[in-house]
C-alpha cells in the first residue's frame, strides 16, 4: 500500500471515530480534491479495505479497520517517541511521525520499541 493510500485509510479511521465519514470530510482534512478522494476510495475498496457507494458514507471493512489500527499505532508510537524520548515539541513530533510511519521498516520500529522497553526496566 502506498503512503498516500495509508494516509487516506488513517484519515477515514480518525473521522469514523466521530461518526459518519463523507468524501467532502476526507477531502477537507487531507487538503485534496473530491475526485482524488474518489480515486483513492476505489483503490481501497478493490483491496477490501472499505465500502463506499456514490453519494453515501464511507465504511471501513474489518480488514480496513485492522490495517488502519496498525497505521495509527505506528503513528502514535512514533509521535510519543519523538516527543518523549528525542525531546522535540509536540507539533514537530506529530508532523515527523506522519512522515516516518510510512517509511520505517517493521524491524526498525520493533528495535525502537525494544529500546523503550529496556530503558523502562532499568
N, C-alpha and C. Protein backbone atom coordinates (compact mmCIF):
# COMPACT_ATOMS: atom_id res chain seq x y z
N UNK A 1 0.84 -1.18 0.00
CA UNK A 1 0.00 0.00 0.00
C UNK A 1 0.89 1.24 0.00
N UNK A 2 0.52 2.20 -0.81
CA UNK A 2 1.32 3.42 -0.91
C UNK A 2 1.11 4.31 0.31
N UNK A 3 2.03 5.25 0.49
CA UNK A 3 1.93 6.21 1.58
C UNK A 3 0.62 6.98 1.47
N UNK A 4 0.27 7.38 0.29
CA UNK A 4 -0.94 8.15 0.07
C UNK A 4 -2.18 7.36 0.49
N UNK A 5 -2.24 6.09 0.10
CA UNK A 5 -3.39 5.27 0.47
C UNK A 5 -3.44 5.03 1.97
N UNK A 6 -2.27 4.89 2.59
CA UNK A 6 -2.23 4.76 4.05
C UNK A 6 -2.77 6.02 4.71
N UNK A 7 -2.44 7.18 4.16
CA UNK A 7 -2.94 8.44 4.70
C UNK A 7 -4.47 8.51 4.61
N UNK A 8 -5.01 8.07 3.47
CA UNK A 8 -6.47 8.05 3.31
C UNK A 8 -7.10 7.10 4.33
N UNK A 9 -6.55 5.91 4.45
CA UNK A 9 -7.09 4.93 5.37
C UNK A 9 -7.04 5.43 6.81
N UNK A 10 -5.92 6.02 7.18
CA UNK A 10 -5.77 6.57 8.53
C UNK A 10 -6.79 7.68 8.77
N UNK A 11 -6.97 8.58 7.81
CA UNK A 11 -7.91 9.68 7.97
C UNK A 11 -9.34 9.16 8.07
N UNK A 12 -9.69 8.17 7.27
CA UNK A 12 -11.03 7.60 7.36
C UNK A 12 -11.25 7.00 8.74
N UNK A 13 -10.24 6.36 9.27
CA UNK A 13 -10.33 5.79 10.61
C UNK A 13 -10.53 6.88 11.65
N UNK A 14 -9.75 7.95 11.57
CA UNK A 14 -9.90 9.07 12.51
C UNK A 14 -11.30 9.67 12.42
N UNK A 15 -11.75 9.91 11.21
CA UNK A 15 -13.06 10.52 11.02
C UNK A 15 -14.19 9.61 11.49
N UNK A 16 -14.01 8.31 11.32
CA UNK A 16 -15.06 7.38 11.73
C UNK A 16 -15.20 7.33 13.26
N UNK A 17 -14.16 7.76 13.98
CA UNK A 17 -14.26 7.84 15.44
C UNK A 17 -15.37 8.81 15.86
N UNK A 18 -15.64 9.80 15.00
CA UNK A 18 -16.65 10.81 15.30
C UNK A 18 -17.98 10.56 14.61
N UNK A 19 -18.09 9.46 13.86
CA UNK A 19 -19.36 9.15 13.19
C UNK A 19 -19.19 8.91 11.71
N UNK A 20 -20.17 9.35 10.97
CA UNK A 20 -20.22 9.11 9.53
C UNK A 20 -19.06 9.81 8.81
N UNK A 21 -18.49 9.12 7.82
CA UNK A 21 -17.38 9.66 7.04
C UNK A 21 -17.87 9.96 5.63
N UNK A 22 -17.71 11.21 5.22
CA UNK A 22 -18.12 11.63 3.89
C UNK A 22 -16.90 12.02 3.05
N UNK A 23 -17.05 11.92 1.76
CA UNK A 23 -15.97 12.26 0.84
C UNK A 23 -15.50 13.70 1.07
N UNK A 24 -16.44 14.61 1.28
CA UNK A 24 -16.06 16.02 1.49
C UNK A 24 -15.23 16.18 2.75
N UNK A 25 -15.53 15.40 3.78
CA UNK A 25 -14.75 15.48 5.03
C UNK A 25 -13.32 15.01 4.80
N UNK A 26 -13.17 13.92 4.07
CA UNK A 26 -11.83 13.40 3.78
C UNK A 26 -11.04 14.41 2.97
N UNK A 27 -11.67 14.94 1.92
CA UNK A 27 -11.00 15.93 1.06
C UNK A 27 -10.56 17.15 1.86
N UNK A 28 -11.45 17.63 2.70
CA UNK A 28 -11.15 18.83 3.50
C UNK A 28 -9.99 18.57 4.46
N UNK A 29 -10.03 17.48 5.18
CA UNK A 29 -8.99 17.19 6.18
C UNK A 29 -7.63 16.92 5.55
N UNK A 30 -7.62 16.28 4.36
CA UNK A 30 -6.34 15.98 3.72
C UNK A 30 -5.89 17.07 2.75
N UNK A 31 -6.77 18.04 2.50
CA UNK A 31 -6.41 19.13 1.59
C UNK A 31 -6.27 18.68 0.15
N UNK A 32 -7.17 17.78 -0.25
CA UNK A 32 -7.14 17.26 -1.63
C UNK A 32 -8.53 17.45 -2.25
N UNK A 33 -8.62 17.19 -3.55
CA UNK A 33 -9.89 17.35 -4.25
C UNK A 33 -10.78 16.12 -4.04
N UNK A 34 -12.08 16.31 -4.23
CA UNK A 34 -13.02 15.19 -4.14
C UNK A 34 -12.70 14.11 -5.17
N UNK A 35 -12.36 14.47 -6.41
CA UNK A 35 -12.00 13.41 -7.37
C UNK A 35 -10.79 12.58 -6.91
N UNK A 36 -9.83 13.22 -6.25
CA UNK A 36 -8.68 12.48 -5.72
C UNK A 36 -9.13 11.49 -4.65
N UNK A 37 -10.05 11.93 -3.80
CA UNK A 37 -10.57 11.05 -2.76
C UNK A 37 -11.29 9.87 -3.40
N UNK A 38 -12.13 10.14 -4.39
CA UNK A 38 -12.89 9.07 -5.04
C UNK A 38 -11.97 8.05 -5.71
N UNK A 39 -10.88 8.52 -6.29
CA UNK A 39 -9.91 7.60 -6.89
C UNK A 39 -9.29 6.70 -5.83
N UNK A 40 -8.89 7.30 -4.73
CA UNK A 40 -8.29 6.53 -3.64
C UNK A 40 -9.30 5.54 -3.05
N UNK A 41 -10.55 5.98 -2.89
CA UNK A 41 -11.57 5.09 -2.34
C UNK A 41 -11.80 3.87 -3.22
N UNK A 42 -11.77 4.08 -4.52
CA UNK A 42 -11.94 2.95 -5.45
C UNK A 42 -10.82 1.92 -5.27
N UNK A 43 -9.61 2.41 -5.12
CA UNK A 43 -8.46 1.50 -4.94
C UNK A 43 -8.58 0.78 -3.61
N UNK A 44 -8.88 1.52 -2.56
CA UNK A 44 -9.01 0.90 -1.22
C UNK A 44 -10.17 -0.09 -1.19
N UNK A 45 -11.23 0.23 -1.91
CA UNK A 45 -12.37 -0.70 -1.97
C UNK A 45 -11.98 -1.97 -2.71
N UNK A 46 -11.20 -1.82 -3.78
CA UNK A 46 -10.76 -3.00 -4.54
C UNK A 46 -9.82 -3.88 -3.72
N UNK A 47 -9.17 -3.29 -2.72
CA UNK A 47 -8.28 -4.04 -1.83
C UNK A 47 -9.03 -4.60 -0.62
N UNK A 48 -10.33 -4.37 -0.57
CA UNK A 48 -11.14 -4.90 0.52
C UNK A 48 -11.04 -4.13 1.81
N UNK A 49 -10.58 -2.88 1.74
CA UNK A 49 -10.39 -2.07 2.95
C UNK A 49 -11.63 -1.30 3.38
N UNK A 50 -12.53 -1.02 2.44
CA UNK A 50 -13.70 -0.22 2.77
C UNK A 50 -14.83 -0.48 1.80
N UNK A 51 -15.98 0.08 2.17
CA UNK A 51 -17.17 0.07 1.33
C UNK A 51 -17.57 1.51 1.10
N UNK A 52 -17.90 1.81 -0.16
CA UNK A 52 -18.36 3.16 -0.46
C UNK A 52 -19.32 3.10 -1.64
N UNK A 53 -20.50 3.66 -1.44
CA UNK A 53 -21.45 3.83 -2.53
C UNK A 53 -21.51 5.32 -2.84
N UNK A 54 -21.55 5.64 -4.09
CA UNK A 54 -21.56 7.03 -4.51
C UNK A 54 -22.64 7.81 -3.76
N UNK A 55 -22.27 8.99 -3.28
CA UNK A 55 -23.13 9.90 -2.52
C UNK A 55 -23.54 9.33 -1.16
N UNK A 56 -22.81 8.36 -0.69
CA UNK A 56 -23.08 7.77 0.63
C UNK A 56 -21.80 7.84 1.46
N UNK A 57 -21.91 7.44 2.70
CA UNK A 57 -20.74 7.49 3.58
C UNK A 57 -19.77 6.36 3.27
N UNK A 58 -18.58 6.50 3.82
CA UNK A 58 -17.50 5.53 3.66
C UNK A 58 -17.43 4.70 4.93
N UNK A 59 -17.35 3.38 4.78
CA UNK A 59 -17.29 2.49 5.93
C UNK A 59 -16.11 1.54 5.77
N UNK A 60 -15.28 1.46 6.80
CA UNK A 60 -14.16 0.53 6.77
C UNK A 60 -14.65 -0.90 6.97
N UNK A 61 -14.05 -1.83 6.26
CA UNK A 61 -14.30 -3.25 6.48
C UNK A 61 -13.44 -3.70 7.67
N UNK A 62 -13.61 -4.93 8.10
CA UNK A 62 -12.78 -5.44 9.19
C UNK A 62 -11.31 -5.37 8.80
N UNK A 63 -11.00 -5.73 7.55
CA UNK A 63 -9.62 -5.65 7.06
C UNK A 63 -9.11 -4.21 7.11
N UNK A 64 -9.96 -3.26 6.72
CA UNK A 64 -9.59 -1.85 6.76
C UNK A 64 -9.40 -1.34 8.17
N UNK A 65 -10.26 -1.78 9.07
CA UNK A 65 -10.15 -1.39 10.48
C UNK A 65 -8.82 -1.88 11.05
N UNK A 66 -8.47 -3.12 10.75
CA UNK A 66 -7.23 -3.69 11.27
C UNK A 66 -6.01 -2.98 10.70
N UNK A 67 -6.02 -2.71 9.39
CA UNK A 67 -4.87 -2.03 8.77
C UNK A 67 -4.76 -0.60 9.28
N UNK A 68 -5.88 0.08 9.43
CA UNK A 68 -5.87 1.45 9.94
C UNK A 68 -5.36 1.47 11.38
N UNK A 69 -5.72 0.48 12.17
CA UNK A 69 -5.24 0.41 13.56
C UNK A 69 -3.73 0.25 13.59
N UNK A 70 -3.18 -0.53 12.67
CA UNK A 70 -1.72 -0.68 12.59
C UNK A 70 -1.07 0.65 12.27
N UNK A 71 -1.61 1.35 11.29
CA UNK A 71 -1.05 2.64 10.89
C UNK A 71 -1.16 3.64 12.03
N UNK A 72 -2.31 3.70 12.67
CA UNK A 72 -2.50 4.63 13.78
C UNK A 72 -1.58 4.28 14.96
N UNK A 73 -1.38 2.98 15.18
CA UNK A 73 -0.49 2.56 16.26
C UNK A 73 0.95 3.00 16.01
N UNK A 74 1.40 2.83 14.76
CA UNK A 74 2.74 3.29 14.39
C UNK A 74 2.85 4.80 14.61
N UNK A 75 1.83 5.51 14.16
CA UNK A 75 1.83 6.97 14.27
C UNK A 75 1.89 7.40 15.74
N UNK A 76 1.06 6.79 16.55
CA UNK A 76 1.01 7.12 17.97
C UNK A 76 2.36 6.84 18.65
N UNK A 77 2.92 5.65 18.38
CA UNK A 77 4.21 5.32 18.98
C UNK A 77 5.29 6.30 18.55
N UNK A 78 5.38 6.57 17.26
CA UNK A 78 6.43 7.46 16.76
C UNK A 78 6.28 8.88 17.30
N UNK A 79 5.04 9.36 17.40
CA UNK A 79 4.81 10.69 17.96
C UNK A 79 5.31 10.74 19.40
N UNK A 80 4.95 9.74 20.19
CA UNK A 80 5.38 9.70 21.59
C UNK A 80 6.89 9.55 21.70
N UNK A 81 7.48 8.72 20.85
CA UNK A 81 8.93 8.51 20.87
C UNK A 81 9.66 9.82 20.58
N UNK A 82 9.24 10.51 19.54
CA UNK A 82 9.90 11.76 19.17
C UNK A 82 9.71 12.84 20.23
N UNK A 83 8.53 12.91 20.80
CA UNK A 83 8.23 13.91 21.83
C UNK A 83 8.91 13.58 23.16
N UNK A 84 8.73 12.34 23.63
CA UNK A 84 9.16 11.99 24.98
C UNK A 84 10.60 11.51 25.08
N UNK A 85 11.10 10.87 24.05
CA UNK A 85 12.47 10.34 24.09
C UNK A 85 13.45 11.29 23.42
N UNK A 86 13.11 11.71 22.22
CA UNK A 86 14.00 12.58 21.47
C UNK A 86 13.90 14.01 21.99
N UNK A 87 12.72 14.41 22.45
CA UNK A 87 12.57 15.72 23.06
C UNK A 87 12.17 16.84 22.13
N UNK A 88 11.56 16.50 21.00
CA UNK A 88 11.08 17.57 20.12
C UNK A 88 9.69 18.01 20.57
N UNK A 89 9.30 19.20 20.17
CA UNK A 89 7.99 19.72 20.56
C UNK A 89 6.88 18.88 19.93
N UNK A 90 5.70 18.97 20.51
CA UNK A 90 4.57 18.13 20.09
C UNK A 90 4.21 18.32 18.62
N UNK A 91 4.22 19.54 18.13
CA UNK A 91 3.86 19.81 16.74
C UNK A 91 4.86 19.16 15.78
N UNK A 92 6.14 19.31 16.07
CA UNK A 92 7.18 18.70 15.24
C UNK A 92 7.09 17.18 15.31
N UNK A 93 6.87 16.65 16.51
CA UNK A 93 6.75 15.20 16.68
C UNK A 93 5.61 14.66 15.83
N UNK A 94 4.48 15.35 15.83
CA UNK A 94 3.31 14.93 15.05
C UNK A 94 3.61 14.92 13.55
N UNK A 95 4.19 16.00 13.06
CA UNK A 95 4.50 16.12 11.63
C UNK A 95 5.53 15.07 11.20
N UNK A 96 6.59 14.91 11.99
CA UNK A 96 7.63 13.95 11.64
C UNK A 96 7.13 12.51 11.73
N UNK A 97 6.32 12.23 12.72
CA UNK A 97 5.76 10.88 12.87
C UNK A 97 4.91 10.52 11.66
N UNK A 98 4.18 11.49 11.15
CA UNK A 98 3.33 11.25 9.98
C UNK A 98 4.17 10.84 8.77
N UNK A 99 5.34 11.41 8.65
CA UNK A 99 6.24 11.05 7.55
C UNK A 99 6.92 9.71 7.81
N UNK A 100 7.38 9.53 9.04
CA UNK A 100 8.16 8.33 9.38
C UNK A 100 7.33 7.05 9.37
N UNK A 101 6.05 7.16 9.73
CA UNK A 101 5.22 5.95 9.87
C UNK A 101 5.15 5.15 8.58
N UNK A 102 5.37 5.81 7.47
CA UNK A 102 5.25 5.14 6.17
C UNK A 102 6.56 4.54 5.67
N UNK A 103 7.67 5.00 6.20
CA UNK A 103 8.95 4.58 5.63
C UNK A 103 9.77 3.67 6.53
N UNK A 104 9.51 3.69 7.83
CA UNK A 104 10.30 2.84 8.73
C UNK A 104 9.90 1.38 8.56
N UNK A 105 10.89 0.54 8.54
CA UNK A 105 10.62 -0.89 8.46
C UNK A 105 10.07 -1.39 9.79
N UNK A 106 9.42 -2.53 9.75
CA UNK A 106 8.93 -3.15 10.99
C UNK A 106 10.08 -3.48 11.91
N UNK A 107 11.22 -3.87 11.34
CA UNK A 107 12.40 -4.21 12.14
C UNK A 107 12.86 -2.98 12.94
N UNK A 108 12.97 -1.84 12.27
CA UNK A 108 13.41 -0.62 12.95
C UNK A 108 12.42 -0.20 14.01
N UNK A 109 11.15 -0.27 13.69
CA UNK A 109 10.13 0.10 14.66
C UNK A 109 10.18 -0.80 15.89
N UNK A 110 10.34 -2.08 15.69
CA UNK A 110 10.42 -3.02 16.81
C UNK A 110 11.67 -2.78 17.65
N UNK A 111 12.78 -2.40 17.03
CA UNK A 111 14.01 -2.09 17.77
C UNK A 111 13.81 -0.83 18.61
N UNK A 112 13.09 0.14 18.07
CA UNK A 112 12.80 1.36 18.83
C UNK A 112 11.94 1.02 20.05
N UNK A 113 10.95 0.16 19.85
CA UNK A 113 10.09 -0.26 20.96
C UNK A 113 10.89 -1.03 22.00
N UNK A 114 11.79 -1.89 21.54
CA UNK A 114 12.64 -2.66 22.47
C UNK A 114 13.53 -1.74 23.28
N UNK A 115 14.04 -0.70 22.65
CA UNK A 115 14.86 0.29 23.34
C UNK A 115 14.07 0.96 24.46
N UNK A 116 12.86 1.35 24.18
CA UNK A 116 11.99 1.97 25.19
C UNK A 116 11.74 0.97 26.32
N UNK A 117 11.41 -0.25 25.97
CA UNK A 117 11.10 -1.28 26.96
C UNK A 117 12.33 -1.54 27.85
N UNK A 118 13.51 -1.61 27.25
CA UNK A 118 14.73 -1.85 28.01
C UNK A 118 15.01 -0.71 28.99
N UNK A 119 14.77 0.51 28.54
CA UNK A 119 15.01 1.68 29.41
C UNK A 119 13.98 1.76 30.54
N UNK A 120 12.78 1.26 30.31
CA UNK A 120 11.75 1.28 31.34
C UNK A 120 12.04 0.25 32.42
N UNK A 121 12.77 -0.80 32.07
CA UNK A 121 13.07 -1.87 33.03
C UNK A 121 14.35 -1.62 33.82
N UNK A 122 14.99 -0.49 33.60
CA UNK A 122 16.23 -0.18 34.35
C UNK A 122 15.93 0.44 35.67
